Amino acid sequence: ARLAVEADCALLLDVNNVYVTCRNHDLDPVKYLDAIPLEHVVQIHLAGHTDNGTHCIDTHDGRVIDAVWDLYGRVIARAGGRATLLEWDANIPKFSVLQQEVKKAARFRNGLREAAA
């Protein structure tokens, strides 16, 4: 956070990566996000991950889970709409499934979080 502020640089915020990191290291993802200077965030990434029970791996191979959507909603509520990229790099589904996820992100960005479920 300090580096972004002092360098006055833009940030890419990978919300799924925040979730995975916090889950794997027993950290609070809300506190983690609250410490990020959101005014520097110009793009947000969303993705799915693999939950192995004892740990998660940021695999980008499935739908975004509800907990990550909740974190995304918090970021959007605080920072406003930001360019958002849905990452899905493996086990790529039919286009209609990808489109559903993209439309869900758009509903969050447009302030329709309740309708995003």
PDB file of N, CA and C in Angstrom:
ATOM      1  N   ALA A   1       0.836  -1.191   0.000  1.00  0.00           N
ATOM      2  CA  ALA A   1       0.000   0.000   0.000  1.00  0.00           C
ATOM      3  C   ALA A   1       0.878   1.250   0.000  1.00  0.00           C
ATOM      4  N   ARG A   2       1.900   1.228   0.855  1.00  0.00           N
ATOM      5  CA  ARG A   2       2.787   2.396   0.930  1.00  0.00           C
ATOM      6  C   ARG A   2       3.500   2.637  -0.393  1.00  0.00           C
ATOM      7  N   LEU A   3       3.952   1.565  -1.028  1.00  0.00           N
ATOM      8  CA  LEU A   3       4.655   1.687  -2.297  1.00  0.00           C
ATOM      9  C   LEU A   3       3.749   2.299  -3.363  1.00  0.00           C
ATOM     10  N   ALA A   4       2.502   1.837  -3.434  1.00  0.00           N
ATOM     11  CA  ALA A   4       1.564   2.372  -4.420  1.00  0.00           C
ATOM     12  C   ALA A   4       1.329   3.860  -4.188  1.00  0.00           C
ATOM     13  N   VAL A   5       1.185   4.245  -2.946  1.00  0.00           N
ATOM     14  CA  VAL A   5       0.938   5.652  -2.619  1.00  0.00           C
ATOM     15  C   VAL A   5       2.173   6.493  -2.923  1.00  0.00           C
ATOM     16  N   GLU A   6       3.338   6.047  -2.453  1.00  0.00           N
ATOM     17  CA  GLU A   6       4.552   6.842  -2.638  1.00  0.00           C
ATOM     18  C   GLU A   6       4.990   6.918  -4.096  1.00  0.00           C
ATOM     19  N   ALA A   7       4.787   5.822  -4.849  1.00  0.00           N
ATOM     20  CA  ALA A   7       5.169   5.812  -6.267  1.00  0.00           C
ATOM     21  C   ALA A   7       4.065   6.380  -7.151  1.00  0.00           C
ATOM     22  N   ASP A   8       2.897   6.576  -6.567  1.00  0.00           N
ATOM     23  CA  ASP A   8       1.726   7.048  -7.301  1.00  0.00           C
ATOM     24  C   ASP A   8       1.489   6.188  -8.544  1.00  0.00           C
ATOM     25  N   CYS A   9       1.491   4.869  -8.317  1.00  0.00           N
ATOM     26  CA  CYS A   9       1.309   3.945  -9.440  1.00  0.00           C
ATOM     27  C   CYS A   9      -0.059   3.279  -9.376  1.00  0.00           C
ATOM     28  N   ALA A  10      -0.459   2.725 -10.498  1.00  0.00           N
ATOM     29  CA  ALA A  10      -1.728   2.012 -10.586  1.00  0.00           C
ATOM     30  C   ALA A  10      -1.554   0.581 -10.088  1.00  0.00           C
ATOM     31  N   LEU A  11      -2.650   0.008  -9.607  1.00  0.00           N
ATOM     32  CA  LEU A  11      -2.633  -1.370  -9.109  1.00  0.00           C
ATOM     33  C   LEU A  11      -3.654  -2.221  -9.835  1.00  0.00           C
ATOM     34  N   LEU A  12      -3.313  -3.468 -10.013  1.00  0.00           N
ATOM     35  CA  LEU A  12      -4.246  -4.492 -10.456  1.00  0.00           C
ATOM     36  C   LEU A  12      -4.572  -5.290  -9.197  1.00  0.00           C
ATOM     37  N   LEU A  13      -5.843  -5.404  -8.873  1.00  0.00           N
ATOM     38  CA  LEU A  13      -6.268  -6.112  -7.665  1.00  0.00           C
ATOM     39  C   LEU A  13      -6.912  -7.431  -8.055  1.00  0.00           C
ATOM     40  N   ASP A  14      -6.260  -8.523  -7.722  1.00  0.00           N
ATOM     41  CA  ASP A  14      -6.787  -9.855  -7.995  1.00  0.00           C
ATOM     42  C   ASP A  14      -7.531 -10.320  -6.746  1.00  0.00           C
ATOM     43  N   VAL A  15      -8.847 -10.178  -6.759  1.00  0.00           N
ATOM     44  CA  VAL A  15      -9.664 -10.476  -5.580  1.00  0.00           C
ATOM     45  C   VAL A  15      -9.609 -11.963  -5.229  1.00  0.00           C
ATOM     46  N   ASN A  16      -9.602 -12.829  -6.234  1.00  0.00           N
ATOM     47  CA  ASN A  16      -9.492 -14.258  -5.954  1.00  0.00           C
ATOM     48  C   ASN A  16      -8.154 -14.573  -5.300  1.00  0.00           C
ATOM     49  N   ASN A  17      -7.096 -13.908  -5.752  1.00  0.00           N
ATOM     50  CA  ASN A  17      -5.785 -14.126  -5.162  1.00  0.00           C
ATOM     51  C   ASN A  17      -5.766 -13.682  -3.701  1.00  0.00           C
ATOM     52  N   VAL A  18      -6.451 -12.592  -3.395  1.00  0.00           N
ATOM     53  CA  VAL A  18      -6.574 -12.145  -2.001  1.00  0.00           C
ATOM     54  C   VAL A  18      -7.259 -13.238  -1.183  1.00  0.00           C
ATOM     55  N   TYR A  19      -8.365 -13.769  -1.704  1.00  0.00           N
ATOM     56  CA  TYR A  19      -9.090 -14.831  -0.991  1.00  0.00           C
ATOM     57  C   TYR A  19      -8.189 -16.039  -0.759  1.00  0.00           C
ATOM     58  N   VAL A  20      -7.518 -16.508  -1.815  1.00  0.00           N
ATOM     59  CA  VAL A  20      -6.669 -17.701  -1.714  1.00  0.00           C
ATOM     60  C   VAL A  20      -5.526 -17.464  -0.726  1.00  0.00           C
ATOM     61  N   THR A  21      -4.867 -16.333  -0.836  1.00  0.00           N
ATOM     62  CA  THR A  21      -3.760 -16.011   0.072  1.00  0.00           C
ATOM     63  C   THR A  21      -4.226 -15.981   1.527  1.00  0.00           C
ATOM     64  N   CYS A  22      -5.341 -15.303   1.760  1.00  0.00           N
ATOM     65  CA  CYS A  22      -5.846 -15.189   3.130  1.00  0.00           C
ATOM     66  C   CYS A  22      -6.298 -16.539   3.662  1.00  0.00           C
ATOM     67  N   ARG A  23      -6.925 -17.333   2.843  1.00  0.00           N
ATOM     68  CA  ARG A  23      -7.349 -18.669   3.262  1.00  0.00           C
ATOM     69  C   ARG A  23      -6.137 -19.529   3.614  1.00  0.00           C
ATOM     70  N   ASN A  24      -5.109 -19.493   2.770  1.00  0.00           N
ATOM     71  CA  ASN A  24      -3.927 -20.335   2.984  1.00  0.00           C
ATOM     72  C   ASN A  24      -3.072 -19.889   4.162  1.00  0.00           C
ATOM     73  N   HIS A  25      -3.161 -18.622   4.522  1.00  0.00           N
ATOM     74  CA  HIS A  25      -2.314 -18.095   5.592  1.00  0.00           C
ATOM     75  C   HIS A  25      -3.117 -17.634   6.806  1.00  0.00           C
ATOM     76  N   ASP A  26      -4.382 -18.025   6.851  1.00  0.00           N
ATOM     77  CA  ASP A  26      -5.261 -17.718   7.977  1.00  0.00           C
ATOM     78  C   ASP A  26      -5.294 -16.214   8.285  1.00  0.00           C
ATOM     79  N   LEU A  27      -5.498 -15.425   7.235  1.00  0.00           N
ATOM     80  CA  LEU A  27      -5.612 -13.977   7.358  1.00  0.00           C
ATOM     81  C   LEU A  27      -7.050 -13.564   7.082  1.00  0.00           C
ATOM     82  N   ASP A  28      -7.406 -12.370   7.489  1.00  0.00           N
ATOM     83  CA  ASP A  28      -8.744 -11.832   7.258  1.00  0.00           C
ATOM     84  C   ASP A  28      -8.750 -11.091   5.920  1.00  0.00           C
ATOM     85  N   PRO A  29      -9.480 -11.593   4.925  1.00  0.00           N
ATOM     86  CA  PRO A  29      -9.462 -10.930   3.616  1.00  0.00           C
ATOM     87  C   PRO A  29     -10.079  -9.538   3.625  1.00  0.00           C
ATOM     88  N   VAL A  30     -11.012  -9.277   4.524  1.00  0.00           N
ATOM     89  CA  VAL A  30     -11.608  -7.943   4.610  1.00  0.00           C
ATOM     90  C   VAL A  30     -10.559  -6.944   5.101  1.00  0.00           C
ATOM     91  N   LYS A  31      -9.831  -7.300   6.143  1.00  0.00           N
ATOM     92  CA  LYS A  31      -8.759  -6.417   6.629  1.00  0.00           C
ATOM     93  C   LYS A  31      -7.691  -6.221   5.557  1.00  0.00           C
ATOM     94  N   TYR A  32      -7.376  -7.297   4.842  1.00  0.00           N
ATOM     95  CA  TYR A  32      -6.395  -7.235   3.764  1.00  0.00           C
ATOM     96  C   TYR A  32      -6.835  -6.203   2.718  1.00  0.00           C
ATOM     97  N   LEU A  33      -8.092  -6.308   2.281  1.00  0.00           N
ATOM     98  CA  LEU A  33      -8.608  -5.377   1.281  1.00  0.00           C
ATOM     99  C   LEU A  33      -8.719  -3.960   1.820  1.00  0.00           C
ATOM    100  N   ASP A  34      -9.078  -3.823   3.088  1.00  0.00           N
ATOM    101  CA  ASP A  34      -9.204  -2.493   3.690  1.00  0.00           C
ATOM    102  C   ASP A  34      -7.871  -1.752   3.721  1.00  0.00           C
ATOM    103  N   ALA A  35      -6.759  -2.494   3.675  1.00  0.00           N
ATOM    104  CA  ALA A  35      -5.433  -1.880   3.720  1.00  0.00           C
ATOM    105  C   ALA A  35      -4.937  -1.443   2.336  1.00  0.00           C
ATOM    106  N   ILE A  36      -5.648  -1.826   1.293  1.00  0.00           N
ATOM    107  CA  ILE A  36      -5.229  -1.484  -0.074  1.00  0.00           C
ATOM    108  C   ILE A  36      -5.773  -0.108  -0.439  1.00  0.00           C
ATOM    109  N   PRO A  37      -4.915   0.766  -0.970  1.00  0.00           N
ATOM    110  CA  PRO A  37      -5.390   2.092  -1.397  1.00  0.00           C
ATOM    111  C   PRO A  37      -6.196   1.964  -2.689  1.00  0.00           C
ATOM    112  N   LEU A  38      -7.509   1.803  -2.541  1.00  0.00           N
ATOM    113  CA  LEU A  38      -8.359   1.499  -3.695  1.00  0.00           C
ATOM    114  C   LEU A  38      -8.376   2.603  -4.745  1.00  0.00           C
ATOM    115  N   GLU A  39      -8.010   3.805  -4.366  1.00  0.00           N
ATOM    116  CA  GLU A  39      -7.952   4.876  -5.356  1.00  0.00           C
ATOM    117  C   GLU A  39      -6.872   4.611  -6.406  1.00  0.00           C
ATOM    118  N   HIS A  40      -5.959   3.685  -6.123  1.00  0.00           N
ATOM    119  CA  HIS A  40      -4.905   3.323  -7.076  1.00  0.00           C
ATOM    120  C   HIS A  40      -5.282   2.122  -7.941  1.00  0.00           C
ATOM    121  N   VAL A  41      -6.361   1.430  -7.585  1.00  0.00           N
ATOM    122  CA  VAL A  41      -6.769   0.234  -8.327  1.00  0.00           C
ATOM    123  C   VAL A  41      -7.450   0.651  -9.629  1.00  0.00           C
ATOM    124  N   VAL A  42      -6.888   0.186 -10.749  1.00  0.00           N
ATOM    125  CA  VAL A  42      -7.463   0.502 -12.055  1.00  0.00           C
ATOM    126  C   VAL A  42      -8.092  -0.722 -12.717  1.00  0.00           C
ATOM    127  N   GLN A  43      -7.735  -1.908 -12.234  1.00  0.00           N
ATOM    128  CA  GLN A  43      -8.323  -3.122 -12.787  1.00  0.00           C
ATOM    129  C   GLN A  43      -8.438  -4.172 -11.689  1.00  0.00           C
ATOM    130  N   ILE A  44      -9.510  -4.938 -11.767  1.00  0.00           N
ATOM    131  CA  ILE A  44      -9.767  -6.011 -10.810  1.00  0.00           C
ATOM    132  C   ILE A  44      -9.842  -7.330 -11.573  1.00  0.00           C
ATOM    133  N   HIS A  45      -9.259  -8.361 -10.992  1.00  0.00           N
ATOM    134  CA  HIS A  45      -9.351  -9.698 -11.572  1.00  0.00           C
ATOM    135  C   HIS A  45     -10.191 -10.585 -10.669  1.00  0.00           C
ATOM    136  N   LEU A  46     -11.011 -11.398 -11.316  1.00  0.00           N
ATOM    137  CA  LEU A  46     -11.823 -12.411 -10.640  1.00  0.00           C
ATOM    138  C   LEU A  46     -11.502 -13.759 -11.261  1.00  0.00           C
ATOM    139  N   ALA A  47     -11.577 -14.820 -10.474  1.00  0.00           N
ATOM    140  CA  ALA A  47     -11.316 -16.158 -11.003  1.00  0.00           C
ATOM    141  C   ALA A  47     -11.846 -17.194 -10.036  1.00  0.00           C
ATOM    142  N   GLY A  48     -11.842 -18.407 -10.517  1.00  0.00           N
ATOM    143  CA  GLY A  48     -12.131 -19.539  -9.648  1.00  0.00           C
ATOM    144  C   GLY A  48     -10.823 -20.126  -9.143  1.00  0.00           C
ATOM    145  N   HIS A  49     -10.932 -21.008  -8.185  1.00  0.00           N
ATOM    146  CA  HIS A  49      -9.742 -21.659  -7.644  1.00  0.00           C
ATOM    147  C   HIS A  49     -10.104 -23.087  -7.245  1.00  0.00           C
ATOM    148  N   THR A  50      -9.103 -23.860  -6.894  1.00  0.00           N
ATOM    149  CA  THR A  50      -9.319 -25.225  -6.434  1.00  0.00           C
ATOM    150  C   THR A  50      -9.128 -25.259  -4.929  1.00  0.00           C
ATOM    151  N   ASP A  51     -10.138 -25.736  -4.236  1.00  0.00           N
ATOM    152  CA  ASP A  51     -10.090 -25.859  -2.774  1.00  0.00           C
ATOM    153  C   ASP A  51      -9.733 -27.303  -2.438  1.00  0.00           C
ATOM    154  N   ASN A  52      -8.560 -27.496  -1.881  1.00  0.00           N
ATOM    155  CA  ASN A  52      -8.088 -28.825  -1.507  1.00  0.00           C
ATOM    156  C   ASN A  52      -8.316 -29.137  -0.036  1.00  0.00           C
ATOM    157  N   GLY A  53      -9.195 -28.403   0.604  1.00  0.00           N
ATOM    158  CA  GLY A  53      -9.490 -28.638   2.016  1.00  0.00           C
ATOM    159  C   GLY A  53      -8.514 -27.940   2.936  1.00  0.00           C
ATOM    160  N   THR A  54      -7.264 -28.343   2.891  1.00  0.00           N
ATOM    161  CA  THR A  54      -6.244 -27.737   3.752  1.00  0.00           C
ATOM    162  C   THR A  54      -5.653 -26.472   3.143  1.00  0.00           C
ATOM    163  N   HIS A  55      -5.854 -26.311   1.848  1.00  0.00           N
ATOM    164  CA  HIS A  55      -5.309 -25.142   1.153  1.00  0.00           C
ATOM    165  C   HIS A  55      -6.024 -24.959  -0.185  1.00  0.00           C
ATOM    166  N   CYS A  56      -5.874 -23.766  -0.742  1.00  0.00           N
ATOM    167  CA  CYS A  56      -6.451 -23.449  -2.057  1.00  0.00           C
ATOM    168  C   CYS A  56      -5.326 -23.172  -3.041  1.00  0.00           C
ATOM    169  N   ILE A  57      -5.614 -23.432  -4.305  1.00  0.00           N
ATOM    170  CA  ILE A  57      -4.677 -23.114  -5.384  1.00  0.00           C
ATOM    171  C   ILE A  57      -5.414 -22.246  -6.399  1.00  0.00           C
ATOM    172  N   ASP A  58      -4.799 -21.160  -6.779  1.00  0.00           N
ATOM    173  CA  ASP A  58      -5.384 -20.195  -7.710  1.00  0.00           C
ATOM    174  C   ASP A  58      -5.275 -20.751  -9.129  1.00  0.00           C
ATOM    175  N   THR A  59      -6.191 -21.655  -9.484  1.00  0.00           N
ATOM    176  CA  THR A  59      -6.106 -22.394 -10.736  1.00  0.00           C
ATOM    177  C   THR A  59      -6.824 -21.750 -11.922  1.00  0.00           C
ATOM    178  N   HIS A  60      -7.713 -20.804 -11.663  1.00  0.00           N
ATOM    179  CA  HIS A  60      -8.475 -20.154 -12.748  1.00  0.00           C
ATOM    180  C   HIS A  60      -9.213 -21.183 -13.593  1.00  0.00           C
ATOM    181  N   ASP A  61      -9.816 -22.172 -12.947  1.00  0.00           N
ATOM    182  CA  ASP A  61     -10.433 -23.252 -13.723  1.00  0.00           C
ATOM    183  C   ASP A  61     -11.889 -23.520 -13.367  1.00  0.00           C
ATOM    184  N   GLY A  62     -12.547 -22.535 -12.778  1.00  0.00           N
ATOM    185  CA  GLY A  62     -13.949 -22.729 -12.425  1.00  0.00           C
ATOM    186  C   GLY A  62     -14.623 -21.408 -12.135  1.00  0.00           C
ATOM    187  N   ARG A  63     -15.873 -21.513 -11.726  1.00  0.00           N
ATOM    188  CA  ARG A  63     -16.659 -20.320 -11.393  1.00  0.00           C
ATOM    189  C   ARG A  63     -16.071 -19.589 -10.188  1.00  0.00           C
ATOM    190  N   VAL A  64     -16.358 -18.317 -10.119  1.00  0.00           N
ATOM    191  CA  VAL A  64     -16.017 -17.502  -8.958  1.00  0.00           C
ATOM    192  C   VAL A  64     -16.944 -17.939  -7.825  1.00  0.00           C
ATOM    193  N   ILE A  65     -16.386 -18.197  -6.641  1.00  0.00           N
ATOM    194  CA  ILE A  65     -17.219 -18.649  -5.518  1.00  0.00           C
ATOM    195  C   ILE A  65     -17.855 -17.448  -4.820  1.00  0.00           C
ATOM    196  N   ASP A  66     -18.898 -17.730  -4.043  1.00  0.00           N
ATOM    197  CA  ASP A  66     -19.643 -16.661  -3.365  1.00  0.00           C
ATOM    198  C   ASP A  66     -18.762 -15.791  -2.476  1.00  0.00           C
ATOM    199  N   ALA A  67     -17.819 -16.386  -1.763  1.00  0.00           N
ATOM    200  CA  ALA A  67     -16.961 -15.595  -0.880  1.00  0.00           C
ATOM    201  C   ALA A  67     -16.131 -14.580  -1.662  1.00  0.00           C
ATOM    202  N   VAL A  68     -15.691 -14.953  -2.854  1.00  0.00           N
ATOM    203  CA  VAL A  68     -14.928 -14.020  -3.695  1.00  0.00           C
ATOM    204  C   VAL A  68     -15.859 -12.951  -4.254  1.00  0.00           C
ATOM    205  N   TRP A  69     -17.085 -13.335  -4.653  1.00  0.00           N
ATOM    206  CA  TRP A  69     -18.055 -12.332  -5.093  1.00  0.00           C
ATOM    207  C   TRP A  69     -18.329 -11.326  -3.975  1.00  0.00           C
ATOM    208  N   ASP A  70     -18.434 -11.810  -2.738  1.00  0.00           N
ATOM    209  CA  ASP A  70     -18.668 -10.906  -1.603  1.00  0.00           C
ATOM    210  C   ASP A  70     -17.525  -9.905  -1.452  1.00  0.00           C
ATOM    211  N   LEU A  71     -16.285 -10.383  -1.600  1.00  0.00           N
ATOM    212  CA  LEU A  71     -15.130  -9.490  -1.507  1.00  0.00           C
ATOM    213  C   LEU A  71     -15.142  -8.482  -2.660  1.00  0.00           C
ATOM    214  N   TYR A  72     -15.470  -8.947  -3.846  1.00  0.00           N
ATOM    215  CA  TYR A  72     -15.578  -8.056  -5.006  1.00  0.00           C
ATOM    216  C   TYR A  72     -16.636  -6.983  -4.742  1.00  0.00           C
ATOM    217  N   GLY A  73     -17.766  -7.387  -4.194  1.00  0.00           N
ATOM    218  CA  GLY A  73     -18.815  -6.434  -3.863  1.00  0.00           C
ATOM    219  C   GLY A  73     -18.341  -5.375  -2.884  1.00  0.00           C
ATOM    220  N   ARG A  74     -17.554  -5.784  -1.893  1.00  0.00           N
ATOM    221  CA  ARG A  74     -16.998  -4.820  -0.928  1.00  0.00           C
ATOM    222  C   ARG A  74     -16.081  -3.821  -1.628  1.00  0.00           C
ATOM    223  N   VAL A  75     -15.240  -4.336  -2.512  1.00  0.00           N
ATOM    224  CA  VAL A  75     -14.307  -3.451  -3.228  1.00  0.00           C
ATOM    225  C   VAL A  75     -15.084  -2.459  -4.090  1.00  0.00           C
ATOM    226  N   ILE A  76     -16.049  -2.949  -4.843  1.00  0.00           N
ATOM    227  CA  ILE A  76     -16.837  -2.086  -5.717  1.00  0.00           C
ATOM    228  C   ILE A  76     -17.615  -1.048  -4.899  1.00  0.00           C
ATOM    229  N   ALA A  77     -18.149  -1.465  -3.754  1.00  0.00           N
ATOM    230  CA  ALA A  77     -18.893  -0.533  -2.899  1.00  0.00           C
ATOM    231  C   ALA A  77     -17.987   0.603  -2.414  1.00  0.00           C
ATOM    232  N   ARG A  78     -16.747   0.298  -2.125  1.00  0.00           N
ATOM    233  CA  ARG A  78     -15.814   1.313  -1.623  1.00  0.00           C
ATOM    234  C   ARG A  78     -15.148   2.109  -2.732  1.00  0.00           C
ATOM    235  N   ALA A  79     -14.832   1.431  -3.842  1.00  0.00           N
ATOM    236  CA  ALA A  79     -14.014   2.065  -4.876  1.00  0.00           C
ATOM    237  C   ALA A  79     -14.805   2.524  -6.096  1.00  0.00           C
ATOM    238  N   GLY A  80     -16.031   2.050  -6.217  1.00  0.00           N
ATOM    239  CA  GLY A  80     -16.785   2.323  -7.434  1.00  0.00           C
ATOM    240  C   GLY A  80     -16.393   1.333  -8.518  1.00  0.00           C
ATOM    241  N   GLY A  81     -17.023   1.478  -9.668  1.00  0.00           N
ATOM    242  CA  GLY A  81     -16.761   0.564 -10.767  1.00  0.00           C
ATOM    243  C   GLY A  81     -15.330   0.639 -11.250  1.00  0.00           C
ATOM    244  N   ARG A  82     -14.764  -0.487 -11.519  1.00  0.00           N
ATOM    245  CA  ARG A  82     -13.415  -0.579 -12.072  1.00  0.00           C
ATOM    246  C   ARG A  82     -13.446  -1.608 -13.196  1.00  0.00           C
ATOM    247  N   ALA A  83     -12.546  -1.457 -14.146  1.00  0.00           N
ATOM    248  CA  ALA A  83     -12.417  -2.473 -15.189  1.00  0.00           C
ATOM    249  C   ALA A  83     -12.198  -3.814 -14.498  1.00  0.00           C
ATOM    250  N   THR A  84     -12.919  -4.834 -14.950  1.00  0.00           N
ATOM    251  CA  THR A  84     -12.848  -6.136 -14.313  1.00  0.00           C
ATOM    252  C   THR A  84     -12.603  -7.202 -15.368  1.00  0.00           C
ATOM    253  N   LEU A  85     -11.650  -8.073 -15.078  1.00  0.00           N
ATOM    254  CA  LEU A  85     -11.311  -9.173 -15.966  1.00  0.00           C
ATOM    255  C   LEU A  85     -11.652 -10.482 -15.270  1.00  0.00           C
ATOM    256  N   LEU A  86     -12.406 -11.321 -15.944  1.00  0.00           N
ATOM    257  CA  LEU A  86     -12.706 -12.655 -15.447  1.00  0.00           C
ATOM    258  C   LEU A  86     -11.669 -13.601 -16.037  1.00  0.00           C
ATOM    259  N   GLU A  87     -10.861 -14.201 -15.167  1.00  0.00           N
ATOM    260  CA  GLU A  87      -9.824 -15.126 -15.625  1.00  0.00           C
ATOM    261  C   GLU A  87     -10.354 -16.559 -15.550  1.00  0.00           C
ATOM    262  N   TRP A  88     -10.283 -17.262 -16.655  1.00  0.00           N
ATOM    263  CA  TRP A  88     -10.688 -18.674 -16.692  1.00  0.00           C
ATOM    264  C   TRP A  88      -9.747 -19.343 -17.682  1.00  0.00           C
ATOM    265  N   ASP A  89      -8.665 -19.949 -17.173  1.00  0.00           N
ATOM    266  CA  ASP A  89      -7.563 -20.416 -18.010  1.00  0.00           C
ATOM    267  C   ASP A  89      -7.557 -21.916 -18.280  1.00  0.00           C
ATOM    268  N   ALA A  90      -8.323 -22.690 -17.538  1.00  0.00           N
ATOM    269  CA  ALA A  90      -8.338 -24.145 -17.715  1.00  0.00           C
ATOM    270  C   ALA A  90      -9.765 -24.640 -17.534  1.00  0.00           C
ATOM    271  N   ASN A  91     -10.057 -25.815 -18.065  1.00  0.00           N
ATOM    272  CA  ASN A  91     -11.411 -26.375 -18.002  1.00  0.00           C
ATOM    273  C   ASN A  91     -12.428 -25.350 -18.498  1.00  0.00           C
ATOM    274  N   ILE A  92     -12.118 -24.704 -19.577  1.00  0.00           N
ATOM    275  CA  ILE A  92     -12.939 -23.610 -20.089  1.00  0.00           C
ATOM    276  C   ILE A  92     -14.319 -24.139 -20.495  1.00  0.00           C
ATOM    277  N   PRO A  93     -15.377 -23.543 -19.938  1.00  0.00           N
ATOM    278  CA  PRO A  93     -16.732 -24.017 -20.210  1.00  0.00           C
ATOM    279  C   PRO A  93     -17.293 -23.427 -21.499  1.00  0.00           C
ATOM    280  N   LYS A  94     -18.555 -23.730 -21.738  1.00  0.00           N
ATOM    281  CA  LYS A  94     -19.258 -23.124 -22.864  1.00  0.00           C
ATOM    282  C   LYS A  94     -19.309 -21.611 -22.675  1.00  0.00           C
ATOM    283  N   PHE A  95     -19.414 -20.905 -23.794  1.00  0.00           N
ATOM    284  CA  PHE A  95     -19.456 -19.449 -23.759  1.00  0.00           C
ATOM    285  C   PHE A  95     -20.567 -18.932 -22.850  1.00  0.00           C
ATOM    286  N   SER A  96     -21.707 -19.592 -22.835  1.00  0.00           N
ATOM    287  CA  SER A  96     -22.844 -19.117 -22.034  1.00  0.00           C
ATOM    288  C   SER A  96     -22.506 -19.085 -20.538  1.00  0.00           C
ATOM    289  N   VAL A  97     -21.693 -20.017 -20.077  1.00  0.00           N
ATOM    290  CA  VAL A  97     -21.281 -20.040 -18.668  1.00  0.00           C
ATOM    291  C   VAL A  97     -20.358 -18.858 -18.379  1.00  0.00           C
ATOM    292  N   LEU A  98     -19.409 -18.621 -19.261  1.00  0.00           N
ATOM    293  CA  LEU A  98     -18.518 -17.465 -19.100  1.00  0.00           C
ATOM    294  C   LEU A  98     -19.319 -16.169 -19.116  1.00  0.00           C
ATOM    295  N   GLN A  99     -20.268 -16.109 -20.024  1.00  0.00           N
ATOM    296  CA  GLN A  99     -21.090 -14.913 -20.148  1.00  0.00           C
ATOM    297  C   GLN A  99     -21.896 -14.652 -18.870  1.00  0.00           C
ATOM    298  N   GLN A 100     -22.396 -15.702 -18.229  1.00  0.00           N
ATOM    299  CA  GLN A 100     -23.123 -15.547 -16.961  1.00  0.00           C
ATOM    300  C   GLN A 100     -22.228 -14.914 -15.899  1.00  0.00           C
ATOM    301  N   GLU A 101     -20.987 -15.361 -15.816  1.00  0.00           N
ATOM    302  CA  GLU A 101     -20.056 -14.819 -14.826  1.00  0.00           C
ATOM    303  C   GLU A 101     -19.744 -13.353 -15.128  1.00  0.00           C
ATOM    304  N   VAL A 102     -19.538 -13.033 -16.387  1.00  0.00           N
ATOM    305  CA  VAL A 102     -19.242 -11.654 -16.776  1.00  0.00           C
ATOM    306  C   VAL A 102     -20.438 -10.750 -16.473  1.00  0.00           C
ATOM    307  N   LYS A 103     -21.638 -11.231 -16.766  1.00  0.00           N
ATOM    308  CA  LYS A 103     -22.840 -10.444 -16.472  1.00  0.00           C
ATOM    309  C   LYS A 103     -23.023 -10.247 -14.974  1.00  0.00           C
ATOM    310  N   LYS A 104     -22.650 -11.234 -14.187  1.00  0.00           N
ATOM    311  CA  LYS A 104     -22.735 -11.110 -12.728  1.00  0.00           C
ATOM    312  C   LYS A 104     -21.804  -9.997 -12.254  1.00  0.00           C
ATOM    313  N   ALA A 105     -20.578  -9.971 -12.773  1.00  0.00           N
ATOM    314  CA  ALA A 105     -19.636  -8.898 -12.414  1.00  0.00           C
ATOM    315  C   ALA A 105     -20.198  -7.538 -12.810  1.00  0.00           C
ATOM    316  N   ALA A 106     -20.827  -7.471 -13.972  1.00  0.00           N
ATOM    317  CA  ALA A 106     -21.410  -6.199 -14.433  1.00  0.00           C
ATOM    318  C   ALA A 106     -22.519  -5.737 -13.493  1.00  0.00           C
ATOM    319  N   ARG A 107     -23.326  -6.667 -13.009  1.00  0.00           N
ATOM    320  CA  ARG A 107     -24.397  -6.287 -12.072  1.00  0.00           C
ATOM    321  C   ARG A 107     -23.796  -5.727 -10.778  1.00  0.00           C
ATOM    322  N   PHE A 108     -22.714  -6.323 -10.294  1.00  0.00           N
ATOM    323  CA  PHE A 108     -22.037  -5.784  -9.110  1.00  0.00           C
ATOM    324  C   PHE A 108     -21.548  -4.368  -9.398  1.00  0.00           C
ATOM    325  N   ARG A 109     -20.881  -4.186 -10.524  1.00  0.00           N
ATOM    326  CA  ARG A 109     -20.329  -2.873 -10.874  1.00  0.00           C
ATOM    327  C   ARG A 109     -21.421  -1.832 -11.037  1.00  0.00           C
ATOM    328  N   ASN A 110     -22.581  -2.252 -11.488  1.00  0.00           N
ATOM    329  CA  ASN A 110     -23.686  -1.321 -11.696  1.00  0.00           C
ATOM    330  C   ASN A 110     -24.535  -1.112 -10.452  1.00  0.00           C
ATOM    331  N   GLY A 111     -24.064  -1.625  -9.312  1.00  0.00           N
ATOM    332  CA  GLY A 111     -24.751  -1.396  -8.057  1.00  0.00           C
ATOM    333  C   GLY A 111     -25.957  -2.293  -7.831  1.00  0.00           C
ATOM    334  N   LEU A 112     -26.035  -3.365  -8.570  1.00  0.00           N
ATOM    335  CA  LEU A 112     -27.164  -4.280  -8.435  1.00  0.00           C
ATOM    336  C   LEU A 112     -26.728  -5.572  -7.768  1.00  0.00           C
ATOM    337  N   ARG A 113     -25.998  -5.437  -6.689  1.00  0.00           N
ATOM    338  CA  ARG A 113     -25.421  -6.591  -6.015  1.00  0.00           C
ATOM    339  C   ARG A 113     -26.479  -7.640  -5.660  1.00  0.00           C
ATOM    340  N   GLU A 114     -27.645  -7.186  -5.204  1.00  0.00           N
ATOM    341  CA  GLU A 114     -28.700  -8.121  -4.800  1.00  0.00           C
ATOM    342  C   GLU A 114     -29.143  -8.963  -5.994  1.00  0.00           C
ATOM    343  N   ALA A 115     -29.122  -8.360  -7.174  1.00  0.00           N
ATOM    344  CA  ALA A 115     -29.565  -9.080  -8.381  1.00  0.00           C
ATOM    345  C   ALA A 115     -28.463  -9.974  -8.940  1.00  0.00           C
ATOM    346  N   ALA A 116     -27.272  -9.907  -8.363  1.00  0.00           N
ATOM    347  CA  ALA A 116     -26.142 -10.666  -8.905  1.00  0.00           C
ATOM    348  C   ALA A 116     -26.177 -12.122  -8.482  1.00  0.00           C
ATOM    349  N   ALA A 117     -26.979 -12.458  -7.517  1.00  0.00           N
ATOM    350  CA  ALA A 117     -26.989 -13.841  -7.031  1.00  0.00           C
ATOM    351  C   ALA A 117     -27.559 -14.797  -8.044  1.00  0.00           C
TER     352      ALA A 117
END
